[in-house]
Amino acid sequence: MARSRLSPEDVDEVMQEAYCRIAMLPSVDHIDQPLAYMFATCRNLLVRRLKRQQVVVLEALSEIESWEDETSPSPEEQAARRLSYERVLAIIGALPERCRKVIELRKIEGWSQKEIAMHLGMTEKAVEKQVWVGVRAIRSAWVRAETRSEDLMLSIERKEARR
């Protein structure tokens, strides 16, 4: 829970809400692993809470959605997360300068659209449009990169199969 980037008070609230939800169940007979059930409930509540926030830090959301119930991530998972994060940063870095700056301030730094508009001398509507364009470009670039990775893996597998 401490890795969720929420304040200690918010963490307490999430844990209390998870406990209350479990306590309100008509029966707990279906729960085979209570600790895992509690972790899953907390994780779901954290994801909902972050999605409701006006600004969601990309790294925080990915950490929570991939949160392991009882064990810390393996070295392979840690490396994959780091590579994914670096890939997103590289994609953001390749955006046009104005769009890149808006995305960095909004999605990474957590600034409001109003703050960005004042800082960059733009209208809030222009900031909103740049965020929309940037997120769309990031998604598109991510899909292209994933496709290239999958194609590369398939070609390597074919070469090995021929040997």
Protein backbone atom coordinates (compact mmCIF):
# COMPACT_ATOMS: atom_id res chain seq x y z
CA MET A 1 0.00 0.00 0.00
CA ALA A 2 2.90 2.35 0.70
CA ARG A 3 3.96 2.14 -2.96
CA SER A 4 0.59 3.53 -4.07
CA ARG A 5 1.74 7.16 -3.78
CA LEU A 6 -1.25 8.02 -1.62
CA SER A 7 -0.97 9.88 1.64
CA PRO A 8 -0.93 7.72 4.79
CA GLU A 9 -4.44 8.99 5.56
CA ASP A 10 -5.70 7.87 2.14
CA VAL A 11 -4.04 4.47 2.59
CA ASP A 12 -5.84 4.13 5.93
CA GLU A 13 -9.13 5.05 4.26
CA VAL A 14 -8.64 2.46 1.51
CA MET A 15 -7.77 -0.25 4.01
CA GLN A 16 -10.77 0.67 6.17
CA GLU A 17 -13.08 0.66 3.14
CA ALA A 18 -11.74 -2.74 2.06
CA TYR A 19 -12.28 -4.11 5.56
CA CYS A 20 -15.83 -2.71 5.63
CA ARG A 21 -16.67 -4.19 2.23
CA ILE A 22 -15.45 -7.61 3.33
CA ALA A 23 -17.25 -7.31 6.67
CA MET A 24 -20.52 -6.48 4.87
CA LEU A 25 -20.41 -9.65 2.77
CA PRO A 26 -23.31 -11.96 3.60
CA SER A 27 -20.88 -14.87 3.77
CA VAL A 28 -17.14 -15.37 3.57
CA ASP A 29 -17.30 -19.09 2.86
CA HIS A 30 -16.22 -18.52 -0.75
CA ILE A 31 -12.93 -16.89 0.32
CA ASP A 32 -10.17 -19.50 0.17
CA GLN A 33 -7.25 -17.12 0.68
CA PRO A 34 -8.26 -14.25 2.98
CA LEU A 35 -5.01 -12.29 2.65
CA ALA A 36 -5.08 -12.45 -1.15
CA TYR A 37 -8.75 -11.44 -1.11
CA MET A 38 -7.95 -8.43 1.08
CA PHE A 39 -5.06 -7.41 -1.19
CA ALA A 40 -7.24 -7.73 -4.28
CA THR A 41 -9.97 -5.63 -2.67
CA CYS A 42 -7.45 -2.93 -1.69
CA ARG A 43 -5.89 -2.96 -5.16
CA ASN A 44 -9.30 -2.53 -6.81
CA LEU A 45 -10.21 0.32 -4.48
CA LEU A 46 -6.85 2.03 -5.17
CA VAL A 47 -7.33 1.74 -8.93
CA ARG A 48 -10.85 3.20 -8.65
CA ARG A 49 -9.58 6.03 -6.46
CA LEU A 50 -6.75 6.89 -8.87
CA LYS A 51 -9.04 6.77 -11.90
CA ARG A 52 -11.42 9.19 -10.16
CA GLN A 53 -8.63 11.68 -9.49
CA GLN A 54 -8.37 14.55 -11.92
CA VAL A 55 -4.75 13.68 -12.78
CA VAL A 56 -3.43 10.15 -12.69
CA VAL A 57 0.31 9.67 -12.53
CA LEU A 58 1.04 7.04 -15.18
CA GLU A 59 3.66 5.27 -13.08
CA ALA A 60 1.40 5.03 -10.03
CA LEU A 61 -1.43 3.46 -11.97
CA SER A 62 0.81 0.89 -13.66
CA GLU A 63 2.39 -0.03 -10.31
CA ILE A 64 -0.98 -0.62 -8.67
CA GLU A 65 -2.52 -2.54 -11.58
CA SER A 66 0.47 -4.89 -11.61
CA TRP A 67 0.69 -5.16 -7.83
CA GLU A 68 1.43 -8.68 -6.62
CA ASP A 69 -0.63 -9.95 -3.71
CA GLU A 70 1.91 -11.72 -1.54
CA THR A 71 5.31 -11.47 -3.18
CA SER A 72 7.44 -8.70 -4.54
CA PRO A 73 7.88 -8.61 -8.31
CA SER A 74 10.49 -10.86 -9.79
CA PRO A 75 13.63 -9.31 -11.30
CA GLU A 76 12.17 -10.02 -14.75
CA GLU A 77 8.95 -8.15 -13.88
CA GLN A 78 10.94 -5.25 -12.44
CA ALA A 79 13.03 -5.06 -15.62
CA ALA A 80 9.92 -5.24 -17.81
CA ARG A 81 8.28 -2.43 -15.85
CA ARG A 82 11.40 -0.29 -16.09
CA LEU A 83 11.61 -0.90 -19.86
CA SER A 84 7.92 -0.07 -20.29
CA TYR A 85 8.33 3.13 -18.33
CA GLU A 86 11.42 4.10 -20.35
CA ARG A 87 9.54 3.31 -23.58
CA VAL A 88 6.70 5.63 -22.57
CA LEU A 89 9.19 8.37 -21.70
CA ALA A 90 10.91 7.91 -25.08
CA ILE A 91 7.56 8.10 -26.87
CA ILE A 92 6.70 11.29 -24.97
CA GLY A 93 10.15 12.67 -25.83
CA ALA A 94 9.46 12.13 -29.54
CA LEU A 95 6.27 14.22 -29.49
CA PRO A 96 6.32 17.72 -30.99
CA GLU A 97 7.78 20.17 -28.47
CA ARG A 98 4.55 21.93 -27.46
CA CYS A 99 2.61 18.68 -27.14
CA ARG A 100 5.49 17.01 -25.26
CA LYS A 101 5.70 19.86 -22.76
CA VAL A 102 1.93 19.78 -22.13
CA ILE A 103 1.94 15.97 -21.66
CA GLU A 104 4.92 16.10 -19.32
CA LEU A 105 3.36 18.82 -17.17
CA ARG A 106 -0.10 17.22 -17.14
CA LYS A 107 0.59 13.49 -16.92
CA ILE A 108 3.98 13.33 -15.23
CA GLU A 109 4.14 16.48 -13.10
CA GLY A 110 0.42 16.48 -12.31
CA TRP A 111 -0.27 20.12 -13.18
CA SER A 112 -3.86 21.21 -13.84
CA GLN A 113 -4.89 22.36 -17.30
CA LYS A 114 -5.34 25.86 -15.93
CA GLU A 115 -1.79 25.93 -14.51
CA ILE A 116 -0.35 24.67 -17.80
CA ALA A 117 -2.33 27.23 -19.80
CA MET A 118 -1.06 30.08 -17.63
CA HIS A 119 2.53 28.77 -17.65
CA LEU A 120 2.70 28.26 -21.43
CA GLY A 121 0.48 31.20 -22.43
CA MET A 122 -2.20 29.01 -24.00
CA THR A 123 -5.93 28.66 -23.55
CA GLU A 124 -7.24 25.79 -21.43
CA LYS A 125 -9.00 24.46 -24.54
CA ALA A 126 -5.65 24.35 -26.38
CA VAL A 127 -4.09 22.49 -23.46
CA GLU A 128 -6.98 20.01 -23.48
CA LYS A 129 -6.52 19.45 -27.22
CA GLN A 130 -2.76 18.94 -26.81
CA VAL A 131 -3.35 16.38 -24.04
CA TRP A 132 -5.85 14.55 -26.27
CA VAL A 133 -3.46 14.61 -29.25
CA GLY A 134 -0.52 13.53 -27.08
CA VAL A 135 -2.27 10.64 -25.37
CA ARG A 136 -3.59 9.43 -28.71
CA ALA A 137 -0.08 9.61 -30.21
CA ILE A 138 1.39 7.75 -27.21
CA ARG A 139 -1.19 4.96 -27.54
CA SER A 140 -0.55 4.66 -31.26
CA ALA A 141 3.24 4.60 -30.83
CA TRP A 142 2.88 2.01 -28.05
CA VAL A 143 0.83 -0.29 -30.28
CA ARG A 144 3.37 0.08 -33.10
CA ALA A 145 6.25 -0.72 -30.73
CA GLU A 146 4.42 -3.77 -29.36
CA THR A 147 3.70 -4.99 -32.89
CA ARG A 148 7.36 -4.57 -33.86
CA SER A 149 8.43 -6.49 -30.74
CA GLU A 150 6.01 -9.32 -31.49
CA ASP A 151 7.15 -9.46 -35.14
CA LEU A 152 10.77 -9.59 -34.03
CA MET A 153 10.04 -12.41 -31.59
CA LEU A 154 8.20 -14.38 -34.29
CA SER A 155 11.07 -13.98 -36.73
CA ILE A 156 13.56 -15.16 -34.10
CA GLU A 157 11.37 -18.17 -33.33
CA ARG A 158 11.14 -19.03 -37.04
CA LYS A 159 14.93 -18.81 -37.44
CA GLU A 160 15.44 -21.10 -34.45
CA ALA A 161 12.85 -23.55 -35.76
CA ARG A 162 14.73 -23.79 -39.10
CA ARG A 163 17.96 -24.80 -37.34
